[in-house]
Amino acid sequence: MTAAEHGPRERMVFSAAQLIRRDGVASTGMREVAAHAGAPRGSLQHYFPGGKEQLVNEAVGWAGRYAGKRVARFLAALPEPTPSGLFGEMVRHWTDEYAADGFAGGCPVAAATVDCAESTASTREAVAAAFATWTDPVARALADMGVPEERSTALATLVISTLEGAILIARAEQDTRALTTAARELGPLLDAAAGRAE
């Protein structure tokens, strides 16, 4: 995302997501978001009359849509789409980031869940919607690859839950071991559900 492509409002939502994924909601200030986005501070109240809560909720929504759209890109990167291949690409996105940039960033949806799900009802609803926005395309992809419809949503939930847990462990350990282990161990189960077991 570049300044030429998006206006200040979109840049602030994107910046909020980036800062939340690194620092969490509590440590992400509105002024910091404006500075990161290269937007005038006065524009915060204009674009986000609901204040930080509104900005956080919109950043979480953006993150859920981004993750959901990535599913098609991950599938397109595979010579032959398989459930294990899809999960492997989802994992590789994170292992590549951590190899290139270190372990500072996590998932903004997870960060907002940890920081706000109990205290802010609108943010709890926003993170639940973001997870659904991400789960739906994973479930559709699994069904398209042969996973029975009645199992595809449950397995998509398992995929995302496993990935989120592995991201947390990777950040804690400063090592991608949990991510690569998750891909190696969950992949065969996913392929078996699609009738693709070796």
C-alpha atoms as a PDB file:
ATOM      1  CA  MET A   1       0.000   0.000   0.000  1.00  0.00           C
ATOM      2  CA  THR A   2       1.444   3.376  -0.996  1.00  0.00           C
ATOM      3  CA  ALA A   3       0.360   6.920  -0.291  1.00  0.00           C
ATOM      4  CA  ALA A   4      -0.310   7.467  -3.995  1.00  0.00           C
ATOM      5  CA  GLU A   5      -2.769   4.554  -4.096  1.00  0.00           C
ATOM      6  CA  HIS A   6      -4.776   5.292  -0.952  1.00  0.00           C
ATOM      7  CA  GLY A   7      -6.086   8.309   0.870  1.00  0.00           C
ATOM      8  CA  PRO A   8      -5.412   9.204   4.507  1.00  0.00           C
ATOM      9  CA  ARG A   9      -8.353   7.226   5.888  1.00  0.00           C
ATOM     10  CA  GLU A  10      -7.271   3.973   4.241  1.00  0.00           C
ATOM     11  CA  ARG A  11      -3.658   4.590   5.218  1.00  0.00           C
ATOM     12  CA  MET A  12      -4.662   5.086   8.849  1.00  0.00           C
ATOM     13  CA  VAL A  13      -6.636   1.819   8.919  1.00  0.00           C
ATOM     14  CA  PHE A  14      -3.676  -0.013   7.377  1.00  0.00           C
ATOM     15  CA  SER A  15      -1.228   1.662   9.782  1.00  0.00           C
ATOM     16  CA  ALA A  16      -3.401   0.786  12.766  1.00  0.00           C
ATOM     17  CA  ALA A  17      -3.389  -2.872  11.693  1.00  0.00           C
ATOM     18  CA  GLN A  18       0.401  -2.825  11.322  1.00  0.00           C
ATOM     19  CA  LEU A  19       0.963  -1.214  14.707  1.00  0.00           C
ATOM     20  CA  ILE A  20      -1.568  -3.451  16.473  1.00  0.00           C
ATOM     21  CA  ARG A  21       0.090  -6.573  15.052  1.00  0.00           C
ATOM     22  CA  ARG A  22       3.411  -5.375  16.471  1.00  0.00           C
ATOM     23  CA  ASP A  23       2.469  -3.646  19.730  1.00  0.00           C
ATOM     24  CA  GLY A  24      -1.102  -4.656  20.579  1.00  0.00           C
ATOM     25  CA  VAL A  25      -4.103  -2.389  20.952  1.00  0.00           C
ATOM     26  CA  ALA A  26      -3.199  -0.861  24.314  1.00  0.00           C
ATOM     27  CA  SER A  27       0.223   0.308  23.110  1.00  0.00           C
ATOM     28  CA  THR A  28      -1.021   1.683  19.787  1.00  0.00           C
ATOM     29  CA  GLY A  29      -1.893   5.355  20.113  1.00  0.00           C
ATOM     30  CA  MET A  30      -3.938   7.448  17.724  1.00  0.00           C
ATOM     31  CA  ARG A  31      -1.092   9.943  17.217  1.00  0.00           C
ATOM     32  CA  GLU A  32       1.269   7.094  16.426  1.00  0.00           C
ATOM     33  CA  VAL A  33      -1.182   5.779  13.835  1.00  0.00           C
ATOM     34  CA  ALA A  34      -1.450   9.194  12.179  1.00  0.00           C
ATOM     35  CA  ALA A  35       2.335   9.565  12.098  1.00  0.00           C
ATOM     36  CA  HIS A  36       2.825   6.049  10.692  1.00  0.00           C
ATOM     37  CA  ALA A  37       0.214   6.793   7.999  1.00  0.00           C
ATOM     38  CA  GLY A  38       1.663  10.204   7.174  1.00  0.00           C
ATOM     39  CA  ALA A  39      -1.750  11.723   7.862  1.00  0.00           C
ATOM     40  CA  PRO A  40      -2.577  14.943   9.692  1.00  0.00           C
ATOM     41  CA  ARG A  41      -3.538  14.324  13.323  1.00  0.00           C
ATOM     42  CA  GLY A  42      -6.642  16.418  12.865  1.00  0.00           C
ATOM     43  CA  SER A  43      -7.936  13.927  10.334  1.00  0.00           C
ATOM     44  CA  LEU A  44      -8.317  11.243  13.007  1.00  0.00           C
ATOM     45  CA  GLN A  45     -11.442  12.825  14.504  1.00  0.00           C
ATOM     46  CA  HIS A  46     -12.778  13.562  11.032  1.00  0.00           C
ATOM     47  CA  TYR A  47     -12.450   9.997   9.747  1.00  0.00           C
ATOM     48  CA  PHE A  48     -12.947   8.159  13.037  1.00  0.00           C
ATOM     49  CA  PRO A  49     -15.533  10.053  15.114  1.00  0.00           C
ATOM     50  CA  GLY A  50     -15.854   6.908  17.252  1.00  0.00           C
ATOM     51  CA  GLY A  51     -12.221   7.342  18.292  1.00  0.00           C
ATOM     52  CA  LYS A  52      -9.737   4.583  18.851  1.00  0.00           C
ATOM     53  CA  GLU A  53     -12.408   1.910  19.225  1.00  0.00           C
ATOM     54  CA  GLN A  54     -13.725   2.620  15.734  1.00  0.00           C
ATOM     55  CA  LEU A  55     -10.214   2.673  14.269  1.00  0.00           C
ATOM     56  CA  VAL A  56      -9.284  -0.616  15.943  1.00  0.00           C
ATOM     57  CA  ASN A  57     -12.491  -2.263  14.720  1.00  0.00           C
ATOM     58  CA  GLU A  58     -11.873  -1.087  11.158  1.00  0.00           C
ATOM     59  CA  ALA A  59      -8.246  -2.238  11.297  1.00  0.00           C
ATOM     60  CA  VAL A  60      -9.399  -5.666  12.472  1.00  0.00           C
ATOM     61  CA  GLY A  61     -11.953  -5.806   9.654  1.00  0.00           C
ATOM     62  CA  TRP A  62      -9.254  -4.897   7.135  1.00  0.00           C
ATOM     63  CA  ALA A  63      -7.005  -7.647   8.512  1.00  0.00           C
ATOM     64  CA  GLY A  64      -9.763 -10.262   8.216  1.00  0.00           C
ATOM     65  CA  ARG A  65     -10.469  -9.261   4.609  1.00  0.00           C
ATOM     66  CA  TYR A  66      -6.743  -9.290   3.799  1.00  0.00           C
ATOM     67  CA  ALA A  67      -6.306 -12.786   5.251  1.00  0.00           C
ATOM     68  CA  GLY A  68      -9.390 -14.034   3.410  1.00  0.00           C
ATOM     69  CA  LYS A  69      -8.164 -12.664   0.072  1.00  0.00           C
ATOM     70  CA  ARG A  70      -4.751 -14.260   0.583  1.00  0.00           C
ATOM     71  CA  VAL A  71      -6.328 -17.726   0.396  1.00  0.00           C
ATOM     72  CA  ALA A  72      -6.814 -17.411  -3.375  1.00  0.00           C
ATOM     73  CA  ARG A  73      -3.218 -16.211  -3.773  1.00  0.00           C
ATOM     74  CA  PHE A  74      -1.886 -19.125  -1.766  1.00  0.00           C
ATOM     75  CA  LEU A  75      -3.858 -21.561  -3.918  1.00  0.00           C
ATOM     76  CA  ALA A  76      -2.612 -19.894  -7.103  1.00  0.00           C
ATOM     77  CA  ALA A  77       0.989 -20.446  -5.954  1.00  0.00           C
ATOM     78  CA  LEU A  78       0.473 -24.214  -5.862  1.00  0.00           C
ATOM     79  CA  PRO A  79       1.070 -26.324  -8.986  1.00  0.00           C
ATOM     80  CA  GLU A  80      -1.634 -28.695  -7.710  1.00  0.00           C
ATOM     81  CA  PRO A  81      -3.827 -27.339  -4.906  1.00  0.00           C
ATOM     82  CA  THR A  82      -4.088 -29.660  -1.910  1.00  0.00           C
ATOM     83  CA  PRO A  83      -5.266 -28.972   1.627  1.00  0.00           C
ATOM     84  CA  SER A  84      -1.754 -29.560   2.996  1.00  0.00           C
ATOM     85  CA  GLY A  85      -0.339 -27.313   0.296  1.00  0.00           C
ATOM     86  CA  LEU A  86      -2.734 -24.510   1.204  1.00  0.00           C
ATOM     87  CA  PHE A  87      -1.829 -24.765   4.879  1.00  0.00           C
ATOM     88  CA  GLY A  88       1.845 -24.969   3.953  1.00  0.00           C
ATOM     89  CA  GLU A  89       1.557 -21.696   1.992  1.00  0.00           C
ATOM     90  CA  MET A  90      -0.227 -20.030   4.904  1.00  0.00           C
ATOM     91  CA  VAL A  91       2.620 -21.113   7.189  1.00  0.00           C
ATOM     92  CA  ARG A  92       5.289 -20.091   4.672  1.00  0.00           C
ATOM     93  CA  HIS A  93       3.877 -16.558   4.609  1.00  0.00           C
ATOM     94  CA  TRP A  94       4.829 -16.293   8.296  1.00  0.00           C
ATOM     95  CA  THR A  95       8.117 -18.186   8.199  1.00  0.00           C
ATOM     96  CA  ASP A  96       9.255 -15.977   5.314  1.00  0.00           C
ATOM     97  CA  GLU A  97       8.274 -12.835   7.229  1.00  0.00           C
ATOM     98  CA  TYR A  98      10.070 -13.974  10.357  1.00  0.00           C
ATOM     99  CA  ALA A  99      13.184 -14.931   8.408  1.00  0.00           C
ATOM    100  CA  ALA A 100      13.267 -11.536   6.681  1.00  0.00           C
ATOM    101  CA  ASP A 101      12.071  -9.177   9.421  1.00  0.00           C
ATOM    102  CA  GLY A 102      12.326 -10.917  12.777  1.00  0.00           C
ATOM    103  CA  PHE A 103       9.516 -11.891  15.108  1.00  0.00           C
ATOM    104  CA  ALA A 104       8.059  -8.488  16.012  1.00  0.00           C
ATOM    105  CA  GLY A 105       4.771  -8.891  14.130  1.00  0.00           C
ATOM    106  CA  GLY A 106       1.819 -11.136  14.749  1.00  0.00           C
ATOM    107  CA  CYS A 107      -1.795 -11.213  13.651  1.00  0.00           C
ATOM    108  CA  PRO A 108      -3.684  -7.973  14.385  1.00  0.00           C
ATOM    109  CA  VAL A 109      -6.931  -9.895  14.803  1.00  0.00           C
ATOM    110  CA  ALA A 110      -5.366 -12.088  17.497  1.00  0.00           C
ATOM    111  CA  ALA A 111      -3.813  -9.055  19.200  1.00  0.00           C
ATOM    112  CA  ALA A 112      -7.148  -7.238  19.305  1.00  0.00           C
ATOM    113  CA  THR A 113      -8.831 -10.366  20.643  1.00  0.00           C
ATOM    114  CA  VAL A 114      -6.346 -10.657  23.498  1.00  0.00           C
ATOM    115  CA  ASP A 115      -6.493  -6.963  24.356  1.00  0.00           C
ATOM    116  CA  CYS A 116     -10.180  -6.159  23.888  1.00  0.00           C
ATOM    117  CA  ALA A 117     -12.494  -9.152  23.526  1.00  0.00           C
ATOM    118  CA  GLU A 118     -13.532  -9.091  27.179  1.00  0.00           C
ATOM    119  CA  SER A 119     -13.656  -5.336  27.661  1.00  0.00           C
ATOM    120  CA  THR A 120     -15.019  -3.913  24.393  1.00  0.00           C
ATOM    121  CA  ALA A 121     -18.114  -5.559  22.913  1.00  0.00           C
ATOM    122  CA  SER A 122     -17.803  -3.878  19.513  1.00  0.00           C
ATOM    123  CA  THR A 123     -14.212  -5.075  19.143  1.00  0.00           C
ATOM    124  CA  ARG A 124     -15.154  -8.602  20.198  1.00  0.00           C
ATOM    125  CA  GLU A 125     -17.787  -8.542  17.462  1.00  0.00           C
ATOM    126  CA  ALA A 126     -15.263  -7.128  14.989  1.00  0.00           C
ATOM    127  CA  VAL A 127     -12.692  -9.837  15.702  1.00  0.00           C
ATOM    128  CA  ALA A 128     -15.338 -12.574  15.505  1.00  0.00           C
ATOM    129  CA  ALA A 129     -16.419 -11.190  12.120  1.00  0.00           C
ATOM    130  CA  ALA A 130     -12.783 -10.967  10.970  1.00  0.00           C
ATOM    131  CA  PHE A 131     -12.153 -14.600  11.849  1.00  0.00           C
ATOM    132  CA  ALA A 132     -15.337 -15.572   9.961  1.00  0.00           C
ATOM    133  CA  THR A 133     -14.201 -13.522   6.954  1.00  0.00           C
ATOM    134  CA  TRP A 134     -10.970 -15.522   6.965  1.00  0.00           C
ATOM    135  CA  THR A 135     -12.518 -18.911   7.791  1.00  0.00           C
ATOM    136  CA  ASP A 136     -15.088 -18.843   4.981  1.00  0.00           C
ATOM    137  CA  PRO A 137     -12.620 -18.815   2.049  1.00  0.00           C
ATOM    138  CA  VAL A 138     -10.475 -21.486   3.731  1.00  0.00           C
ATOM    139  CA  ALA A 139     -13.572 -23.674   4.157  1.00  0.00           C
ATOM    140  CA  ARG A 140     -14.608 -23.117   0.522  1.00  0.00           C
ATOM    141  CA  ALA A 141     -11.098 -23.958  -0.669  1.00  0.00           C
ATOM    142  CA  LEU A 142     -11.044 -27.155   1.376  1.00  0.00           C
ATOM    143  CA  ALA A 143     -14.447 -28.166   0.002  1.00  0.00           C
ATOM    144  CA  ASP A 144     -13.260 -27.449  -3.540  1.00  0.00           C
ATOM    145  CA  MET A 145     -10.314 -29.784  -2.919  1.00  0.00           C
ATOM    146  CA  GLY A 146     -12.549 -32.655  -1.845  1.00  0.00           C
ATOM    147  CA  VAL A 147     -13.145 -32.150   1.883  1.00  0.00           C
ATOM    148  CA  PRO A 148     -16.787 -33.019   2.582  1.00  0.00           C
ATOM    149  CA  GLU A 149     -18.938 -29.920   3.055  1.00  0.00           C
ATOM    150  CA  GLU A 150     -19.954 -31.023   6.547  1.00  0.00           C
ATOM    151  CA  ARG A 151     -16.290 -30.994   7.638  1.00  0.00           C
ATOM    152  CA  SER A 152     -14.875 -28.066   5.682  1.00  0.00           C
ATOM    153  CA  THR A 153     -15.806 -25.301   8.146  1.00  0.00           C
ATOM    154  CA  ALA A 154     -14.621 -27.308  11.148  1.00  0.00           C
ATOM    155  CA  LEU A 155     -11.295 -28.022   9.451  1.00  0.00           C
ATOM    156  CA  ALA A 156     -10.946 -24.403   8.357  1.00  0.00           C
ATOM    157  CA  THR A 157     -11.390 -23.412  12.011  1.00  0.00           C
ATOM    158  CA  LEU A 158      -8.720 -25.967  12.946  1.00  0.00           C
ATOM    159  CA  VAL A 159      -6.359 -24.580  10.288  1.00  0.00           C
ATOM    160  CA  ILE A 160      -6.714 -21.001  11.505  1.00  0.00           C
ATOM    161  CA  SER A 161      -6.573 -21.960  15.187  1.00  0.00           C
ATOM    162  CA  THR A 162      -3.421 -23.986  14.612  1.00  0.00           C
ATOM    163  CA  LEU A 163      -1.802 -21.215  12.608  1.00  0.00           C
ATOM    164  CA  GLU A 164      -2.625 -18.549  15.207  1.00  0.00           C
ATOM    165  CA  GLY A 165      -1.268 -20.714  18.036  1.00  0.00           C
ATOM    166  CA  ALA A 166       1.902 -21.478  16.094  1.00  0.00           C
ATOM    167  CA  ILE A 167       2.430 -17.768  15.414  1.00  0.00           C
ATOM    168  CA  LEU A 168       2.229 -17.029  19.147  1.00  0.00           C
ATOM    169  CA  ILE A 169       4.677 -19.800  20.002  1.00  0.00           C
ATOM    170  CA  ALA A 170       7.046 -18.708  17.220  1.00  0.00           C
ATOM    171  CA  ARG A 171       7.097 -15.168  18.571  1.00  0.00           C
ATOM    172  CA  ALA A 172       7.650 -16.387  22.126  1.00  0.00           C
ATOM    173  CA  GLU A 173      10.477 -18.726  21.119  1.00  0.00           C
ATOM    174  CA  GLN A 174      11.873 -16.430  18.411  1.00  0.00           C
ATOM    175  CA  ASP A 175      11.940 -19.532  16.243  1.00  0.00           C
ATOM    176  CA  THR A 176       9.750 -20.899  13.443  1.00  0.00           C
ATOM    177  CA  ARG A 177       9.771 -24.437  14.879  1.00  0.00           C
ATOM    178  CA  ALA A 178       6.109 -24.329  15.929  1.00  0.00           C
ATOM    179  CA  LEU A 179       5.025 -23.169  12.466  1.00  0.00           C
ATOM    180  CA  THR A 180       6.952 -25.815  10.551  1.00  0.00           C
ATOM    181  CA  THR A 181       5.817 -28.483  13.010  1.00  0.00           C
ATOM    182  CA  ALA A 182       2.185 -27.423  12.551  1.00  0.00           C
ATOM    183  CA  ALA A 183       2.466 -27.681   8.763  1.00  0.00           C
ATOM    184  CA  ARG A 184       4.160 -31.076   8.917  1.00  0.00           C
ATOM    185  CA  GLU A 185       1.697 -32.584  11.389  1.00  0.00           C
ATOM    186  CA  LEU A 186      -1.607 -31.054  10.286  1.00  0.00           C
ATOM    187  CA  GLY A 187      -1.027 -31.394   6.530  1.00  0.00           C
ATOM    188  CA  PRO A 188      -1.582 -35.172   6.339  1.00  0.00           C
ATOM    189  CA  LEU A 189      -4.803 -34.919   8.370  1.00  0.00           C
ATOM    190  CA  LEU A 190      -6.145 -32.282   5.982  1.00  0.00           C
ATOM    191  CA  ASP A 191      -5.209 -34.323   2.913  1.00  0.00           C
ATOM    192  CA  ALA A 192      -6.810 -37.434   4.413  1.00  0.00           C
ATOM    193  CA  ALA A 193     -10.052 -35.484   4.926  1.00  0.00           C
ATOM    194  CA  ALA A 194      -9.989 -34.677   1.219  1.00  0.00           C
ATOM    195  CA  GLY A 195      -9.338 -38.311   0.286  1.00  0.00           C
ATOM    196  CA  ARG A 196      -5.789 -37.449  -0.775  1.00  0.00           C
ATOM    197  CA  ALA A 197      -3.869 -39.536   1.746  1.00  0.00           C
ATOM    198  CA  GLU A 198      -0.874 -41.361   0.287  1.00  0.00           C
END
